[in-house]
Amino acid sequence: MKRIRDVIVIGGGAAGMIAAWRAASLNADVLLLEKNKKLGIKILISGGGKCNITNGSDMQTMLQQFEKQESRFLKFAFHTFTNTQLLSLLHHHGVETYVRENGKVFPVSHNAKDVVDAFATLMVSTGVEIQCNSPVKKISKEQNYFTVETPTQTLLSQSVIIATGGLSYKKTGTTGDGYEWVKHFGHTIVPLRPALAPLYLTPVPSPHWQGTPIRDCTLYAVSKDGIVAQWNGDVLFTHFGISGPSALEVSKKVFIVMESGQQVSMHVDFFPELQHEQLERKLISDISGNTNKQITTFIGQYVPERIVEYVVSQAQIDSNTKLHQLKKEARKRLIHVLKSCFIGKVRDIPLDRGEVTAGGVALHEINPTTMESKLVKGLFLCGEILDIAGPVGGYNLQAAFSTGYVAGENAAKLFSSSL
């Protein structure tokens, strides 16, 4: 007789690994299928290879970082498997962590591989069978069993957990396979959009600017309707446009506005803590003792050196102007530029470059206390395949771990209840 697994987990990322471990720890017979040659590819590249595991905030504060619908859906999972439990699990398996001032949690080793290795050890210790290089081609259900087909085998299981991620970073294996499978089962897919993605600008930033950061600024996205998104933080110029925390955070809202056919331009406020009048008083004060300075040297105190010439030109001031030659009208123009410096129009926000995918399986079709489909008994979904996209800071990985834990636990309970 063909072997019937209790649980088959498809996807060996954050959500899939913890789901497999949790189900096996409750004595379920678990098989994890991963299409790549090794586990946790996306974890390995997260945080520049350092892995921002989670956030150090309390769970209520973490929930507040998500949109209301997402927060309501995640509430049970976040309180069932907290960041404290996650870190305790990792510490117990040799991964020491620390919390940065901004709340981001990283392994002390700054090596994402340590996190993946810890979860691999956890799975093996509980008896999970792991098959890498095993892409799933088809999932179907007849009567009480699921059939999972790979290029080399046909497998049977009482339950299936789909943890295949979204569409971001396709080179990591997240090619959207899961969306097609769940659509086959009747699920609704909320339109997929980039989230936490870089912005491609026109004109493309000068090669001289590439790699230049603007610290502690406010990035504004402006359409014909006014400001459509803004974020306080850092911006980084790249060879295609801008990246950095502020650019990533506004990308989803900017994309939605662009979908409606509107053009969006990006602007930087170098002095977000000061109103126009306050900035004018500051400039007048700073100029008073430096009247023989050249305008470019003076502005270099406030903005990165590589973009000084651009800022001055935007204010329509000759770069050779001395401060004592600066007229009131020119000073007003300079203040306007320092508070709203145009850096380009958005020409594209590539879905594949987003750290996460916004959109996915509609949350109202999933039971938030079990992660089981409301349409198909025994089908569980967790992680980025769901319509969840939080901000930068470890929130999305925590969502993957928490929803994966709940999915694994309840898939195992489903198996035990059938005995």
Protein backbone atom coordinates (compact mmCIF):
# COMPACT_ATOMS: atom_id res chain seq x y z
CA MET A 1 0.00 0.00 0.00
CA LYS A 2 1.29 3.47 -0.90
CA ARG A 3 2.57 5.47 2.09
CA ILE A 4 0.25 8.23 3.23
CA ARG A 5 1.96 11.09 5.02
CA ASP A 6 0.29 13.02 7.80
CA VAL A 7 1.62 16.36 6.56
CA ILE A 8 3.45 17.48 3.43
CA VAL A 9 4.96 20.95 3.63
CA ILE A 10 5.76 22.64 0.31
CA GLY A 11 8.44 25.29 0.64
CA GLY A 12 11.56 25.33 2.81
CA GLY A 13 11.66 28.99 3.76
CA ALA A 14 10.92 30.54 7.16
CA ALA A 15 7.23 29.59 7.26
CA GLY A 16 7.73 26.13 5.79
CA MET A 17 10.61 25.09 8.04
CA ILE A 18 8.90 26.12 11.26
CA ALA A 19 5.62 24.54 10.13
CA ALA A 20 7.37 21.25 9.42
CA TRP A 21 9.20 21.30 12.76
CA ARG A 22 6.07 22.15 14.75
CA ALA A 23 3.97 19.44 13.10
CA ALA A 24 6.70 16.81 13.61
CA SER A 25 7.18 17.87 17.23
CA LEU A 26 3.55 16.81 17.74
CA ASN A 27 4.38 13.36 16.34
CA ALA A 28 3.10 13.88 12.81
CA ASP A 29 4.81 12.11 9.91
CA VAL A 30 6.11 15.13 7.98
CA LEU A 31 7.74 15.51 4.58
CA LEU A 32 9.11 18.89 3.49
CA LEU A 33 9.60 19.52 -0.22
CA GLU A 34 11.90 22.34 -1.36
CA LYS A 35 12.47 23.14 -5.04
CA ASN A 36 15.94 24.63 -4.48
CA LYS A 37 19.06 22.62 -3.74
CA LYS A 38 19.14 23.98 -0.18
CA LEU A 39 16.79 25.37 2.44
CA GLY A 40 16.07 28.99 3.35
CA ILE A 41 17.50 30.70 0.27
CA LYS A 42 15.60 33.93 0.92
CA ILE A 43 16.62 33.93 4.59
CA LEU A 44 20.24 33.58 3.49
CA ILE A 45 20.12 36.83 1.51
CA SER A 46 17.93 38.78 3.96
CA GLY A 47 19.49 41.76 5.68
CA GLY A 48 22.47 41.58 3.35
CA GLY A 49 23.15 38.04 4.53
CA LYS A 50 22.89 39.03 8.20
CA CYS A 51 19.18 38.10 8.61
CA ASN A 52 16.91 40.53 10.44
CA ILE A 53 15.14 37.65 12.25
CA THR A 54 12.36 39.60 13.95
CA ASN A 55 11.71 42.83 15.84
CA GLY A 56 12.26 43.35 19.55
CA SER A 57 8.98 45.21 20.13
CA ASP A 58 6.15 43.68 22.14
CA MET A 59 3.65 41.78 20.02
CA GLN A 60 0.95 44.44 20.25
CA THR A 61 3.35 47.07 18.93
CA MET A 62 4.39 44.70 16.16
CA LEU A 63 0.77 44.15 15.14
CA GLN A 64 0.26 47.91 14.90
CA GLN A 65 2.87 48.07 12.13
CA PHE A 66 0.58 46.14 9.77
CA GLU A 67 -2.54 47.37 8.03
CA LYS A 68 -5.74 46.83 10.04
CA GLN A 69 -6.96 43.80 8.11
CA GLU A 70 -3.53 42.17 8.33
CA SER A 71 -3.24 42.98 12.04
CA ARG A 72 -6.60 41.41 12.84
CA PHE A 73 -5.66 38.30 10.92
CA LEU A 74 -2.21 37.98 12.55
CA LYS A 75 -3.30 38.65 16.13
CA PHE A 76 -3.88 35.02 17.12
CA ALA A 77 -0.73 33.76 15.40
CA PHE A 78 1.46 36.51 16.88
CA HIS A 79 0.28 35.71 20.40
CA THR A 80 0.52 31.95 19.82
CA PHE A 81 4.15 32.10 18.70
CA THR A 82 5.82 35.32 19.81
CA ASN A 83 9.17 36.86 19.00
CA THR A 84 10.30 35.86 22.51
CA GLN A 85 9.48 32.22 21.81
CA LEU A 86 11.22 32.40 18.45
CA LEU A 87 14.41 33.83 19.94
CA SER A 88 14.35 31.38 22.83
CA LEU A 89 14.14 28.54 20.32
CA LEU A 90 17.11 29.89 18.39
CA HIS A 91 19.14 30.58 21.54
CA HIS A 92 18.54 27.00 22.68
CA HIS A 93 20.06 25.82 19.40
CA GLY A 94 23.14 28.00 19.56
CA VAL A 95 22.05 31.15 17.72
CA GLU A 96 22.68 34.12 20.00
CA THR A 97 20.99 37.36 19.03
CA TYR A 98 21.06 41.07 19.81
CA VAL A 99 18.63 43.95 19.37
CA ARG A 100 19.63 47.18 17.61
CA GLU A 101 18.37 50.57 18.76
CA ASN A 102 15.73 50.52 16.01
CA GLY A 103 14.34 47.22 17.32
CA LYS A 104 15.75 44.99 14.59
CA VAL A 105 16.99 41.64 15.87
CA PHE A 106 20.03 39.96 14.29
CA PRO A 107 22.20 36.95 15.06
CA VAL A 108 25.37 37.95 16.90
CA SER A 109 27.35 36.15 14.21
CA HIS A 110 25.75 38.35 11.51
CA ASN A 111 25.43 35.14 9.52
CA ALA A 112 21.99 34.17 8.20
CA LYS A 113 23.23 30.63 7.60
CA ASP A 114 23.28 30.07 11.36
CA VAL A 115 19.51 30.69 11.47
CA VAL A 116 18.81 28.31 8.59
CA ASP A 117 21.09 25.66 10.08
CA ALA A 118 19.27 25.92 13.43
CA PHE A 119 15.91 25.26 11.80
CA ALA A 120 17.35 22.41 9.74
CA THR A 121 18.64 20.85 12.97
CA LEU A 122 15.26 21.33 14.63
CA MET A 123 13.49 19.57 11.77
CA VAL A 124 15.90 16.65 11.66
CA SER A 125 15.71 16.23 15.43
CA THR A 126 11.94 15.80 15.26
CA GLY A 127 12.01 13.40 12.34
CA VAL A 128 11.06 15.64 9.42
CA GLU A 129 12.07 14.13 6.09
CA ILE A 130 13.58 16.88 3.93
CA GLN A 131 13.75 16.58 0.16
CA CYS A 132 15.51 19.41 -1.66
CA ASN A 133 15.61 19.67 -5.47
CA SER A 134 11.97 18.58 -5.37
CA PRO A 135 9.78 21.06 -7.25
CA VAL A 136 6.07 20.37 -6.95
CA LYS A 137 4.21 20.29 -10.25
CA LYS A 138 0.64 19.65 -9.15
CA ILE A 139 -1.55 19.32 -6.06
CA SER A 140 -5.00 17.77 -6.08
CA LYS A 141 -7.42 16.26 -3.60
CA GLU A 142 -9.66 13.25 -3.94
CA GLN A 143 -11.85 12.20 -1.05
CA ASN A 144 -9.71 12.42 2.13
CA TYR A 145 -6.23 12.58 0.64
CA PHE A 146 -4.08 15.07 -1.20
CA THR A 147 -1.94 14.01 -4.14
CA VAL A 148 1.31 15.94 -4.56
CA GLU A 149 3.22 15.39 -7.79
CA THR A 150 6.92 16.12 -8.39
CA PRO A 151 8.91 15.22 -11.53
CA THR A 152 9.99 11.94 -9.93
CA GLN A 153 7.21 10.84 -7.57
CA THR A 154 3.55 10.97 -6.65
CA LEU A 155 2.92 11.46 -2.94
CA LEU A 156 -0.15 11.13 -0.74
CA SER A 157 -0.92 13.10 2.41
CA GLN A 158 -3.78 13.79 4.78
CA SER A 159 -2.89 17.50 4.85
CA VAL A 160 -0.77 19.93 2.88
CA ILE A 161 0.87 23.15 4.03
CA ILE A 162 1.70 25.56 1.22
CA ALA A 163 4.53 27.90 2.21
CA THR A 164 5.92 28.81 -1.20
CA GLY A 165 6.30 32.56 -0.65
CA GLY A 166 5.38 35.33 -3.06
CA LEU A 167 6.91 36.62 -6.29
CA SER A 168 9.79 38.68 -4.96
CA TYR A 169 13.38 37.67 -5.74
CA LYS A 170 12.55 34.93 -8.23
CA LYS A 171 16.17 33.79 -8.17
CA THR A 172 15.44 32.46 -4.67
CA GLY A 173 12.75 30.17 -6.07
CA THR A 174 9.70 32.29 -5.26
CA THR A 175 8.17 32.07 -8.70
CA GLY A 176 4.51 32.20 -7.72
CA ASP A 177 3.78 28.47 -8.05
CA GLY A 178 1.58 28.45 -4.94
CA TYR A 179 -0.83 31.00 -6.34
CA GLU A 180 -1.79 28.73 -9.21
CA TRP A 181 -2.36 25.75 -6.92
CA VAL A 182 -4.62 27.64 -4.52
CA LYS A 183 -6.57 29.19 -7.41
CA HIS A 184 -7.21 25.63 -8.57
CA PHE A 185 -8.77 24.99 -5.15
CA GLY A 186 -11.04 28.03 -5.58
CA HIS A 187 -9.12 30.64 -3.59
CA THR A 188 -9.10 34.35 -4.46
CA ILE A 189 -5.75 35.98 -5.17
CA VAL A 190 -5.61 39.67 -4.23
CA PRO A 191 -3.66 41.45 -7.03
CA LEU A 192 0.08 41.08 -6.55
CA ARG A 193 2.12 44.22 -6.09
CA PRO A 194 5.70 45.03 -5.08
CA ALA A 195 6.25 45.97 -1.44
CA LEU A 196 9.48 47.11 0.17
CA ALA A 197 10.88 47.57 -3.33
CA PRO A 198 13.40 50.04 -4.81
CA LEU A 199 12.13 52.84 -7.04
CA TYR A 200 13.43 53.22 -10.59
CA LEU A 201 13.59 56.90 -11.51
CA THR A 202 13.78 59.05 -14.58
CA PRO A 203 16.10 60.73 -15.10
CA VAL A 204 18.40 58.05 -13.74
CA PRO A 205 20.60 59.49 -10.96
CA SER A 206 24.05 60.66 -11.99
CA PRO A 207 26.66 57.88 -11.78
CA HIS A 208 28.48 60.23 -9.38
CA TRP A 209 25.60 59.88 -6.91
CA GLN A 210 25.50 56.08 -6.84
CA GLY A 211 25.98 54.72 -3.34
CA THR A 212 25.32 58.11 -1.76
CA PRO A 213 23.01 58.00 1.28
CA ILE A 214 20.82 60.81 2.56
CA ARG A 215 20.44 60.29 6.30
CA ASP A 216 17.41 61.10 8.45
CA CYS A 217 15.42 62.81 5.72
CA THR A 218 11.76 62.61 4.76
CA LEU A 219 11.03 61.09 1.36
CA TYR A 220 7.83 62.34 -0.28
CA ALA A 221 5.93 60.80 -3.18
CA VAL A 222 3.82 63.40 -4.98
CA SER A 223 1.11 62.98 -7.62
CA LYS A 224 -1.37 65.44 -9.09
CA ASP A 225 -3.45 64.88 -5.94
CA GLY A 226 -0.61 65.93 -3.63
CA ILE A 227 1.51 63.84 -1.29
CA VAL A 228 0.52 60.18 -1.64
CA ALA A 229 3.19 58.63 0.60
CA GLN A 230 6.03 59.71 2.86
CA TRP A 231 8.53 58.14 5.21
CA ASN A 232 11.20 59.41 7.59
CA GLY A 233 14.54 57.64 7.37
CA ASP A 234 17.42 57.07 5.00
CA VAL A 235 17.48 57.14 1.20
CA LEU A 236 20.20 55.56 -0.93
CA PHE A 237 20.95 56.54 -4.55
CA THR A 238 21.53 53.57 -6.85
CA HIS A 239 22.37 53.06 -10.51
CA PHE A 240 18.63 52.85 -11.32
CA GLY A 241 17.03 55.25 -8.83
CA ILE A 242 16.67 55.06 -5.06
CA SER A 243 16.57 52.40 -2.39
CA GLY A 244 17.04 52.44 1.37
CA PRO A 245 14.38 52.19 4.11
CA SER A 246 12.36 55.25 3.08
CA ALA A 247 12.14 54.25 -0.58
CA LEU A 248 11.16 50.69 0.32
CA GLU A 249 8.45 51.82 2.72
CA VAL A 250 6.66 54.09 0.22
CA SER A 251 6.93 51.69 -2.74
CA LYS A 252 3.61 49.88 -2.27
CA LYS A 253 1.53 53.06 -2.06
CA VAL A 254 3.39 54.62 -4.98
CA PHE A 255 2.76 51.53 -7.10
CA ILE A 256 -0.97 51.63 -6.37
CA VAL A 257 -1.14 55.30 -7.42
CA MET A 258 0.77 54.54 -10.61
CA GLU A 259 -1.67 51.69 -11.37
CA SER A 260 -4.38 54.35 -11.64
CA GLY A 261 -2.38 56.04 -14.39
CA GLN A 262 -1.00 58.91 -12.33
CA GLN A 263 2.59 60.07 -12.54
CA VAL A 264 4.52 60.18 -9.26
CA SER A 265 7.58 62.30 -8.50
CA MET A 266 9.93 61.87 -5.55
CA HIS A 267 11.12 64.67 -3.29
CA VAL A 268 13.45 64.85 -0.30
CA ASP A 269 13.13 67.06 2.77
CA PHE A 270 16.63 67.45 4.21
CA PHE A 271 15.28 69.17 7.35
CA PRO A 272 12.11 67.28 8.34
CA GLU A 273 12.34 68.56 11.91
CA LEU A 274 12.13 72.23 10.83
CA GLN A 275 9.31 74.25 9.29
CA HIS A 276 10.15 76.67 6.45
CA GLU A 277 10.29 79.66 8.81
CA GLN A 278 12.52 77.80 11.27
CA LEU A 279 14.86 76.74 8.50
CA GLU A 280 15.06 80.30 7.21
CA ARG A 281 16.06 81.53 10.66
CA LYS A 282 18.68 78.80 10.89
CA LEU A 283 20.18 79.67 7.49
CA ILE A 284 20.29 83.38 8.29
CA SER A 285 22.04 82.60 11.57
CA ASP A 286 24.51 80.18 9.98
CA ILE A 287 25.28 82.57 7.13
CA SER A 288 25.95 85.52 9.42
CA GLY A 289 29.36 84.25 10.48
CA ASN A 290 30.34 82.83 7.11
CA THR A 291 29.56 85.55 4.59
CA ASN A 292 32.69 84.93 2.51
CA LYS A 293 32.00 81.24 2.06
CA GLN A 294 31.01 79.89 -1.33
CA ILE A 295 27.42 78.63 -1.50
CA THR A 296 28.49 75.07 -2.41
CA THR A 297 30.81 74.85 0.60
CA PHE A 298 28.07 76.15 2.86
CA ILE A 299 25.40 73.74 1.57
CA GLY A 300 27.86 70.88 2.00
CA GLN A 301 27.16 71.15 5.74
CA TYR A 302 23.58 70.06 5.18
CA VAL A 303 23.50 67.64 2.25
CA PRO A 304 25.84 64.91 0.95
CA GLU A 305 28.82 66.38 -0.90
CA ARG A 306 28.09 64.54 -4.13
CA ILE A 307 24.69 66.18 -4.59
CA VAL A 308 25.59 69.71 -3.46
CA GLU A 309 25.93 71.04 -7.01
CA TYR A 310 22.53 69.58 -7.92
CA VAL A 311 20.80 71.13 -4.89
CA VAL A 312 22.30 74.53 -5.65
CA SER A 313 21.30 74.30 -9.32
CA GLN A 314 17.75 73.33 -8.35
CA ALA A 315 17.61 76.57 -6.37
CA GLN A 316 18.80 78.42 -9.52
CA ILE A 317 21.87 79.74 -7.74
CA ASP A 318 25.27 80.03 -9.43
CA SER A 319 27.68 77.64 -7.73
CA ASN A 320 30.33 80.36 -7.46
CA THR A 321 28.05 82.64 -5.44
CA LYS A 322 29.42 83.85 -2.10
CA LEU A 323 27.05 83.96 0.84
CA HIS A 324 27.18 87.74 1.12
CA GLN A 325 25.92 87.85 -2.48
CA LEU A 326 22.89 85.65 -1.69
CA LYS A 327 19.72 87.66 -2.23
CA LYS A 328 16.51 87.10 -0.28
CA GLU A 329 14.75 85.59 -3.29
CA ALA A 330 17.61 83.12 -3.82
CA ARG A 331 17.56 82.21 -0.13
CA LYS A 332 13.81 81.52 -0.39
CA ARG A 333 14.39 79.26 -3.39
CA LEU A 334 17.15 77.44 -1.51
CA ILE A 335 14.86 76.84 1.47
CA HIS A 336 12.19 75.47 -0.84
CA VAL A 337 14.68 73.03 -2.38
CA LEU A 338 16.05 71.93 0.99
CA LYS A 339 12.49 71.19 2.11
CA SER A 340 11.33 69.57 -1.14
CA CYS A 341 14.18 68.61 -3.45
CA PHE A 342 12.99 66.91 -6.64
CA ILE A 343 15.06 63.78 -7.32
CA GLY A 344 13.14 62.18 -10.17
CA LYS A 345 9.90 60.71 -11.51
CA VAL A 346 9.10 57.07 -10.82
CA ARG A 347 9.26 55.02 -14.01
CA ASP A 348 9.02 51.54 -12.49
CA ILE A 349 8.79 49.55 -9.26
CA PRO A 350 9.80 45.99 -10.16
CA LEU A 351 7.81 43.25 -8.44
CA ASP A 352 10.77 40.90 -8.52
CA ARG A 353 12.96 43.34 -6.56
CA GLY A 354 10.60 43.77 -3.63
CA GLU A 355 11.61 42.25 -0.30
CA VAL A 356 8.04 40.99 0.00
CA THR A 357 5.01 40.65 -2.25
CA ALA A 358 1.87 42.59 -1.40
CA GLY A 359 -1.33 40.80 -2.32
CA GLY A 360 -1.79 37.05 -2.28
CA VAL A 361 -4.38 34.66 -0.91
CA ALA A 362 -7.35 36.62 0.44
CA LEU A 363 -7.25 36.57 4.23
CA HIS A 364 -11.01 36.14 4.67
CA GLU A 365 -10.68 32.70 3.07
CA ILE A 366 -8.23 31.46 5.72
CA ASN A 367 -9.01 30.63 9.36
CA PRO A 368 -6.66 32.89 11.36
CA THR A 369 -6.61 30.55 14.37
CA THR A 370 -5.49 27.51 12.35
CA MET A 371 -4.23 28.81 8.96
CA GLU A 372 -6.49 26.22 7.36
CA SER A 373 -8.36 27.02 4.18
CA LYS A 374 -12.06 27.67 4.71
CA LEU A 375 -12.64 26.13 1.29
CA VAL A 376 -10.58 22.92 1.43
CA LYS A 377 -10.25 20.83 4.58
CA GLY A 378 -6.66 19.86 5.29
CA LEU A 379 -5.14 22.63 3.15
CA PHE A 380 -3.07 25.11 5.17
CA LEU A 381 -1.35 28.29 4.01
CA CYS A 382 1.28 30.39 5.75
CA GLY A 383 3.92 33.02 5.14
CA GLU A 384 4.22 35.36 2.21
CA ILE A 385 1.69 33.56 0.01
CA LEU A 386 -0.96 35.25 2.17
CA ASP A 387 -2.09 38.84 1.55
CA ILE A 388 0.27 40.30 4.18
CA ALA A 389 3.06 42.83 3.71
CA GLY A 390 4.51 44.59 6.75
CA PRO A 391 7.21 47.25 6.96
CA VAL A 392 11.00 46.90 7.14
CA GLY A 393 12.28 45.72 10.49
CA GLY A 394 11.79 41.97 10.89
CA TYR A 395 7.99 42.13 10.91
CA ASN A 396 7.48 40.02 7.80
CA LEU A 397 9.77 37.24 8.96
CA GLN A 398 7.93 37.16 12.29
CA ALA A 399 4.66 36.89 10.37
CA ALA A 400 6.10 33.95 8.43
CA PHE A 401 7.34 32.22 11.60
CA SER A 402 4.09 32.79 13.52
CA THR A 403 1.72 31.73 10.74
CA GLY A 404 3.97 28.76 9.95
CA TYR A 405 3.94 27.64 13.58
CA VAL A 406 0.13 27.81 13.74
CA ALA A 407 -0.23 25.97 10.41
CA GLY A 408 2.11 23.19 11.50
CA GLU A 409 0.44 22.79 14.87
CA ASN A 410 -3.05 22.56 13.43
CA ALA A 411 -2.10 20.30 10.53
CA ALA A 412 -0.73 17.90 13.15
CA LYS A 413 -3.86 18.22 15.27
CA LEU A 414 -5.97 17.44 12.23
CA PHE A 415 -3.98 14.24 11.77
CA SER A 416 -4.29 13.26 15.45
CA SER A 417 -8.06 13.92 15.47
CA SER A 418 -8.50 11.49 12.59
CA LEU A 419 -6.90 8.60 14.53
